[in-house]
């Protein structure tokens, strides 16, 4: 499913709240990391070539930066 969005090898999925089902599913895919916005850091943003962000995660990031 990730290949629908990108062909890049390293993908970071940002979610607003921790999602256990998504985390358990994504851990079986190489070079994919699921991260709640609360755990977002500069290293992960620079390390992963593609960042896929859920809409609620964007709202939470905007709220943290405002």
N, C-alpha and C. Protein backbone atom coordinates (compact mmCIF):
# COMPACT_ATOMS: atom_id res chain seq x y z
N UNK A 1 0.81 -1.19 0.00
CA UNK A 1 0.00 0.00 0.00
C UNK A 1 0.86 1.26 0.00
N UNK A 2 1.98 1.23 0.66
CA UNK A 2 2.86 2.39 0.70
C UNK A 2 3.29 2.78 -0.72
N UNK A 3 3.49 1.81 -1.58
CA UNK A 3 3.95 2.07 -2.95
C UNK A 3 2.92 2.86 -3.76
N UNK A 4 1.68 2.94 -3.29
CA UNK A 4 0.67 3.76 -3.95
C UNK A 4 1.06 5.23 -3.82
N UNK A 5 1.66 5.59 -2.68
CA UNK A 5 2.02 6.98 -2.40
C UNK A 5 3.42 7.34 -2.88
N UNK A 6 4.35 6.40 -2.82
CA UNK A 6 5.74 6.73 -3.13
C UNK A 6 6.54 5.49 -3.48
N UNK A 7 7.61 5.69 -4.25
CA UNK A 7 8.56 4.62 -4.55
C UNK A 7 9.82 4.75 -3.72
N UNK A 8 9.88 5.78 -2.88
CA UNK A 8 11.04 6.00 -2.04
C UNK A 8 11.16 4.88 -1.00
N UNK A 9 12.39 4.52 -0.62
CA UNK A 9 12.57 3.38 0.27
C UNK A 9 12.26 3.62 1.74
N UNK A 10 12.41 4.84 2.25
CA UNK A 10 12.22 5.11 3.68
C UNK A 10 10.99 5.99 3.87
N UNK A 11 10.00 5.46 4.60
CA UNK A 11 8.73 6.16 4.75
C UNK A 11 8.40 6.32 6.23
N UNK A 12 8.03 7.54 6.59
CA UNK A 12 7.58 7.86 7.94
C UNK A 12 6.09 8.18 7.86
N UNK A 13 5.27 7.45 8.62
CA UNK A 13 3.84 7.70 8.70
C UNK A 13 3.55 8.43 9.99
N UNK A 14 3.05 9.65 9.89
CA UNK A 14 2.72 10.43 11.07
C UNK A 14 1.23 10.34 11.35
N UNK A 15 0.88 10.01 12.58
CA UNK A 15 -0.52 9.92 12.99
C UNK A 15 -0.75 10.83 14.19
N UNK A 16 -2.00 11.27 14.37
CA UNK A 16 -2.31 12.16 15.47
C UNK A 16 -2.23 11.47 16.82
N UNK A 17 -2.81 10.30 16.91
CA UNK A 17 -2.83 9.52 18.14
C UNK A 17 -2.19 8.16 17.88
N UNK A 18 -1.58 7.55 18.88
CA UNK A 18 -1.02 6.20 18.67
C UNK A 18 -2.10 5.24 18.19
N UNK A 19 -1.77 4.46 17.17
CA UNK A 19 -2.71 3.51 16.59
C UNK A 19 -2.04 2.14 16.60
N UNK A 20 -2.44 1.30 17.53
CA UNK A 20 -1.80 0.00 17.72
C UNK A 20 -1.92 -0.89 16.49
N UNK A 21 -3.08 -0.90 15.85
CA UNK A 21 -3.29 -1.74 14.67
C UNK A 21 -2.36 -1.31 13.53
N UNK A 22 -2.27 -0.02 13.28
CA UNK A 22 -1.39 0.48 12.24
C UNK A 22 0.06 0.19 12.57
N UNK A 23 0.44 0.37 13.82
CA UNK A 23 1.81 0.10 14.25
C UNK A 23 2.17 -1.37 14.04
N UNK A 24 1.27 -2.27 14.44
CA UNK A 24 1.54 -3.70 14.29
C UNK A 24 1.61 -4.10 12.82
N UNK A 25 0.81 -3.48 11.99
CA UNK A 25 0.83 -3.78 10.56
C UNK A 25 2.09 -3.26 9.89
N UNK A 26 2.48 -2.04 10.23
CA UNK A 26 3.61 -1.40 9.56
C UNK A 26 4.96 -1.95 10.01
N UNK A 27 5.02 -2.54 11.18
CA UNK A 27 6.32 -3.04 11.65
C UNK A 27 6.84 -4.20 10.80
N UNK A 28 5.97 -4.81 10.01
CA UNK A 28 6.38 -5.89 9.12
C UNK A 28 6.89 -5.40 7.78
N UNK A 29 6.81 -4.10 7.54
CA UNK A 29 7.28 -3.51 6.28
C UNK A 29 8.63 -2.86 6.55
N UNK A 30 9.63 -3.28 5.78
CA UNK A 30 10.97 -2.74 5.99
C UNK A 30 11.01 -1.25 5.70
N UNK A 31 11.75 -0.52 6.50
CA UNK A 31 12.01 0.90 6.36
C UNK A 31 10.76 1.77 6.39
N UNK A 32 9.75 1.31 7.14
CA UNK A 32 8.55 2.10 7.38
C UNK A 32 8.41 2.26 8.89
N UNK A 33 8.16 3.49 9.33
CA UNK A 33 8.00 3.77 10.75
C UNK A 33 6.71 4.54 10.95
N UNK A 34 5.91 4.11 11.92
CA UNK A 34 4.70 4.83 12.31
C UNK A 34 5.02 5.59 13.58
N UNK A 35 4.70 6.88 13.57
CA UNK A 35 5.06 7.72 14.70
C UNK A 35 3.92 8.68 15.03
N UNK A 36 3.48 8.72 16.29
CA UNK A 36 2.50 9.75 16.65
C UNK A 36 3.19 11.11 16.69
N UNK A 37 2.43 12.15 16.48
CA UNK A 37 2.99 13.50 16.45
C UNK A 37 3.73 13.83 17.74
N UNK A 38 3.27 13.30 18.85
CA UNK A 38 3.93 13.57 20.13
C UNK A 38 5.38 13.09 20.13
N UNK A 39 5.72 12.11 19.30
CA UNK A 39 7.08 11.59 19.23
C UNK A 39 7.89 12.14 18.07
N UNK A 40 7.33 13.10 17.35
CA UNK A 40 8.00 13.66 16.18
C UNK A 40 9.29 14.37 16.58
N UNK A 41 10.36 14.12 15.81
CA UNK A 41 11.65 14.75 16.09
C UNK A 41 12.38 15.05 14.79
N UNK A 42 13.38 15.89 14.87
CA UNK A 42 14.11 16.33 13.69
C UNK A 42 14.85 15.17 13.02
N UNK A 43 15.41 14.28 13.80
CA UNK A 43 16.14 13.14 13.23
C UNK A 43 15.25 12.33 12.29
N UNK A 44 14.05 11.99 12.73
CA UNK A 44 13.15 11.21 11.89
C UNK A 44 12.76 11.97 10.63
N UNK A 45 12.52 13.27 10.74
CA UNK A 45 12.16 14.06 9.56
C UNK A 45 13.29 14.08 8.54
N UNK A 46 14.52 14.11 9.00
CA UNK A 46 15.66 14.14 8.08
C UNK A 46 16.05 12.74 7.59
N UNK A 47 15.82 11.72 8.39
CA UNK A 47 16.23 10.36 8.06
C UNK A 47 15.33 9.73 6.99
N UNK A 48 14.03 9.96 7.06
CA UNK A 48 13.10 9.34 6.14
C UNK A 48 12.93 10.21 4.90
N UNK A 49 12.94 9.57 3.72
CA UNK A 49 12.85 10.32 2.47
C UNK A 49 11.43 10.77 2.16
N UNK A 50 10.45 10.08 2.70
CA UNK A 50 9.04 10.43 2.47
C UNK A 50 8.31 10.46 3.80
N UNK A 51 7.52 11.51 4.01
CA UNK A 51 6.69 11.63 5.20
C UNK A 51 5.23 11.67 4.75
N UNK A 52 4.45 10.70 5.21
CA UNK A 52 3.02 10.66 4.93
C UNK A 52 2.33 11.03 6.23
N UNK A 53 1.51 12.07 6.16
CA UNK A 53 0.95 12.65 7.37
C UNK A 53 -0.58 12.58 7.32
N UNK A 54 -1.18 12.00 8.35
CA UNK A 54 -2.64 11.96 8.46
C UNK A 54 -3.15 13.38 8.73
N UNK A 55 -4.37 13.64 8.31
CA UNK A 55 -4.94 14.98 8.46
C UNK A 55 -4.96 15.45 9.91
N UNK A 56 -5.33 14.55 10.83
CA UNK A 56 -5.37 14.95 12.24
C UNK A 56 -3.96 15.23 12.77
N UNK A 57 -2.96 14.59 12.19
CA UNK A 57 -1.58 14.85 12.59
C UNK A 57 -1.16 16.25 12.15
N UNK A 58 -1.58 16.66 10.97
CA UNK A 58 -1.26 18.02 10.50
C UNK A 58 -1.87 19.06 11.43
N UNK A 59 -3.12 18.82 11.84
CA UNK A 59 -3.77 19.77 12.75
C UNK A 59 -3.03 19.85 14.09
N UNK A 60 -2.57 18.71 14.57
CA UNK A 60 -1.85 18.69 15.84
C UNK A 60 -0.47 19.37 15.72
N UNK A 61 0.21 19.16 14.60
CA UNK A 61 1.50 19.83 14.37
C UNK A 61 1.30 21.33 14.31
N UNK A 62 0.28 21.77 13.60
CA UNK A 62 -0.01 23.21 13.49
C UNK A 62 -0.31 23.79 14.87
N UNK A 63 -1.03 23.05 15.68
CA UNK A 63 -1.33 23.52 17.04
C UNK A 63 -0.09 23.61 17.91
N UNK A 64 0.84 22.70 17.74
CA UNK A 64 2.08 22.73 18.53
C UNK A 64 2.98 23.87 18.12
N UNK A 65 2.94 24.24 16.84
CA UNK A 65 3.83 25.29 16.35
C UNK A 65 3.24 26.68 16.49
N UNK A 66 1.94 26.76 16.72
CA UNK A 66 1.27 28.07 16.81
C UNK A 66 1.58 28.77 18.11
